[in-house]
Amino acid sequence: MEIERKFLIKELPDLNGVKHSEIKQGYFSIEPEKRVRQLDDRYYITEKGEGDMVRQEKEWQIDKNEADKLFAMSKTYIVEKTRYYLPYGKNVIELDIYKGKHEGLVVAEVEFATESDALEFKVPKWFGKDITRDKSYKNMMLAINNG
């Protein structure tokens, strides 16, 4: 189970020295949602269920050869971004700066242990609009609308 809120960013915090990863995601199935992800030098398959703030999620690691085949199946349904990991209280803000067609888009995701934690989250001043329920900002939709 994934419990997550998502926000647009109105002002970037200082990212000097902040841990970050390069991410490439390819979507090879829309219903159900299935993606292949390259996270630096590791590879994963993720299946996601319906929903917005709360949804089912299964993820497992795969090898590069399998990932390459799935990226080929994904064709143009690809999203690339740099993800920064910012500790914030008992949470970690995952700040995504998109590349390519979506360059200029900056989004923060925060995962929670419970729905009540998510609803009680104190939003930092540098966050913008809450887009948790806006399906157009789901990574799968960004990938589909790549052009």
Protein backbone atom coordinates (compact mmCIF):
# COMPACT_ATOMS: atom_id res chain seq x y z
CA MET A 1 0.00 0.00 0.00
CA GLU A 2 1.29 3.44 -0.95
CA ILE A 3 0.03 6.56 0.82
CA GLU A 4 1.39 9.65 -0.88
CA ARG A 5 0.68 13.33 -1.46
CA LYS A 6 2.04 15.27 -4.40
CA PHE A 7 2.65 19.02 -4.83
CA LEU A 8 3.86 21.46 -7.44
CA ILE A 9 6.88 23.46 -6.29
CA LYS A 10 6.77 27.25 -6.38
CA GLU A 11 10.33 27.83 -5.11
CA LEU A 12 13.29 25.44 -5.15
CA PRO A 13 15.08 24.91 -1.84
CA ASP A 14 18.88 24.84 -1.73
CA LEU A 15 19.86 21.48 -3.25
CA ASN A 16 23.63 21.76 -2.79
CA GLY A 17 24.93 18.53 -1.29
CA VAL A 18 21.47 16.89 -1.25
CA LYS A 19 21.43 13.16 -2.06
CA HIS A 20 19.86 12.55 -5.48
CA SER A 21 19.24 9.86 -8.08
CA GLU A 22 18.69 9.76 -11.83
CA ILE A 23 15.41 8.08 -12.76
CA LYS A 24 14.08 6.77 -16.06
CA GLN A 25 10.60 5.22 -16.13
CA GLY A 26 8.91 3.44 -19.01
CA TYR A 27 5.25 2.44 -19.04
CA PHE A 28 4.57 -0.86 -20.83
CA SER A 29 1.00 -1.41 -19.59
CA ILE A 30 -1.68 1.20 -18.94
CA GLU A 31 -4.42 -0.99 -17.41
CA PRO A 32 -3.16 -2.27 -15.09
CA GLU A 33 -0.44 0.35 -14.67
CA LYS A 34 2.98 -1.30 -15.00
CA ARG A 35 6.30 0.44 -15.35
CA VAL A 36 9.98 -0.34 -15.55
CA ARG A 37 12.25 2.00 -13.61
CA GLN A 38 15.95 2.62 -13.75
CA LEU A 39 17.07 4.18 -10.47
CA ASP A 40 20.75 5.01 -10.96
CA ASP A 41 22.20 1.52 -11.69
CA ARG A 42 19.28 -0.54 -10.32
CA TYR A 43 16.16 -1.69 -12.18
CA TYR A 44 12.61 -2.39 -10.98
CA ILE A 45 9.14 -3.32 -12.16
CA THR A 46 6.27 -1.60 -10.39
CA GLU A 47 2.55 -2.38 -10.59
CA LYS A 48 0.19 0.30 -9.30
CA GLY A 49 -3.50 0.08 -8.54
CA GLU A 50 -6.28 2.63 -8.93
CA GLY A 51 -6.52 5.67 -6.69
CA ASP A 52 -4.75 8.90 -5.90
CA MET A 53 -3.55 9.43 -2.31
CA VAL A 54 -3.92 5.75 -1.38
CA ARG A 55 -3.23 2.93 -3.84
CA GLN A 56 -1.87 -0.57 -4.05
CA GLU A 57 1.74 -0.86 -5.16
CA LYS A 58 3.99 -3.87 -5.77
CA GLU A 59 7.64 -3.49 -6.73
CA TRP A 60 10.49 -5.90 -7.35
CA GLN A 61 14.03 -5.65 -8.62
CA ILE A 62 15.04 -7.03 -12.04
CA ASP A 63 18.28 -7.21 -14.04
CA LYS A 64 19.41 -4.78 -16.76
CA ASN A 65 18.65 -7.19 -19.64
CA GLU A 66 15.02 -7.58 -18.56
CA ALA A 67 14.75 -3.82 -18.00
CA ASP A 68 16.11 -3.09 -21.50
CA LYS A 69 13.43 -5.33 -23.03
CA LEU A 70 10.69 -3.58 -21.04
CA PHE A 71 12.01 -0.12 -21.98
CA ALA A 72 11.85 -1.21 -25.64
CA MET A 73 8.20 -2.25 -25.09
CA SER A 74 7.53 1.15 -23.51
CA LYS A 75 8.46 2.85 -26.79
CA THR A 76 7.91 6.60 -26.24
CA TYR A 77 6.05 6.28 -22.91
CA ILE A 78 9.12 7.40 -20.99
CA VAL A 79 9.64 9.93 -18.18
CA GLU A 80 13.08 11.05 -17.00
CA LYS A 81 13.86 13.08 -13.90
CA THR A 82 16.37 13.80 -11.17
CA ARG A 83 15.04 12.99 -7.70
CA TYR A 84 16.36 14.77 -4.60
CA TYR A 85 15.78 13.29 -1.13
CA LEU A 86 15.13 15.97 1.50
CA PRO A 87 14.58 14.91 5.13
CA TYR A 88 11.61 16.77 6.61
CA GLY A 89 10.53 15.86 10.15
CA LYS A 90 9.64 12.17 10.17
CA ASN A 91 9.21 12.19 6.38
CA VAL A 92 11.38 12.46 3.31
CA ILE A 93 10.40 14.87 0.55
CA GLU A 94 11.19 13.39 -2.86
CA LEU A 95 11.71 16.39 -5.11
CA ASP A 96 11.52 15.50 -8.82
CA ILE A 97 12.98 17.81 -11.46
CA TYR A 98 11.79 16.56 -14.85
CA LYS A 99 13.83 16.42 -18.05
CA GLY A 100 13.04 16.29 -21.75
CA LYS A 101 9.49 17.16 -22.84
CA HIS A 102 8.53 17.96 -19.23
CA GLU A 103 11.57 20.12 -18.45
CA GLY A 104 10.56 22.90 -16.10
CA LEU A 105 8.12 20.71 -14.16
CA VAL A 106 9.13 20.35 -10.50
CA VAL A 107 7.04 18.16 -8.19
CA ALA A 108 7.41 16.98 -4.60
CA GLU A 109 6.05 13.64 -3.37
CA VAL A 110 5.80 12.68 0.28
CA GLU A 111 4.96 9.14 1.41
CA PHE A 112 3.23 8.44 4.72
CA ALA A 113 2.67 5.49 7.04
CA THR A 114 -1.06 6.28 7.50
CA GLU A 115 -3.80 8.32 5.85
CA SER A 116 -4.12 10.47 8.97
CA ASP A 117 -0.38 11.29 8.77
CA ALA A 118 -0.92 12.36 5.16
CA LEU A 119 -3.88 14.57 6.02
CA GLU A 120 -2.08 16.18 8.99
CA PHE A 121 1.12 16.90 7.03
CA LYS A 122 2.42 20.45 7.57
CA VAL A 123 3.25 21.68 4.08
CA PRO A 124 6.55 23.61 3.70
CA LYS A 125 6.24 27.23 2.54
CA TRP A 126 8.13 26.46 -0.69
CA PHE A 127 5.46 23.97 -1.80
CA GLY A 128 2.81 25.11 -4.26
CA LYS A 129 -0.52 23.60 -5.27
CA ASP A 130 -1.55 20.16 -3.93
CA ILE A 131 -1.91 17.96 -7.05
CA THR A 132 -2.45 14.64 -5.28
CA ARG A 133 -5.86 14.12 -6.91
CA ASP A 134 -4.97 15.65 -10.31
CA LYS A 135 -4.48 12.64 -12.59
CA SER A 136 -2.75 14.75 -15.27
CA TYR A 137 0.34 14.89 -13.02
CA LYS A 138 0.64 11.12 -12.56
CA ASN A 139 3.90 9.95 -14.11
CA MET A 140 2.02 7.52 -16.34
CA MET A 141 -0.08 10.39 -17.76
CA LEU A 142 3.05 12.51 -18.28
CA ALA A 143 4.62 9.57 -20.16
CA ILE A 144 1.55 9.03 -22.33
CA ASN A 145 1.40 12.74 -23.15
CA ASN A 146 5.06 12.90 -24.14
CA GLY A 147 4.15 14.17 -27.55
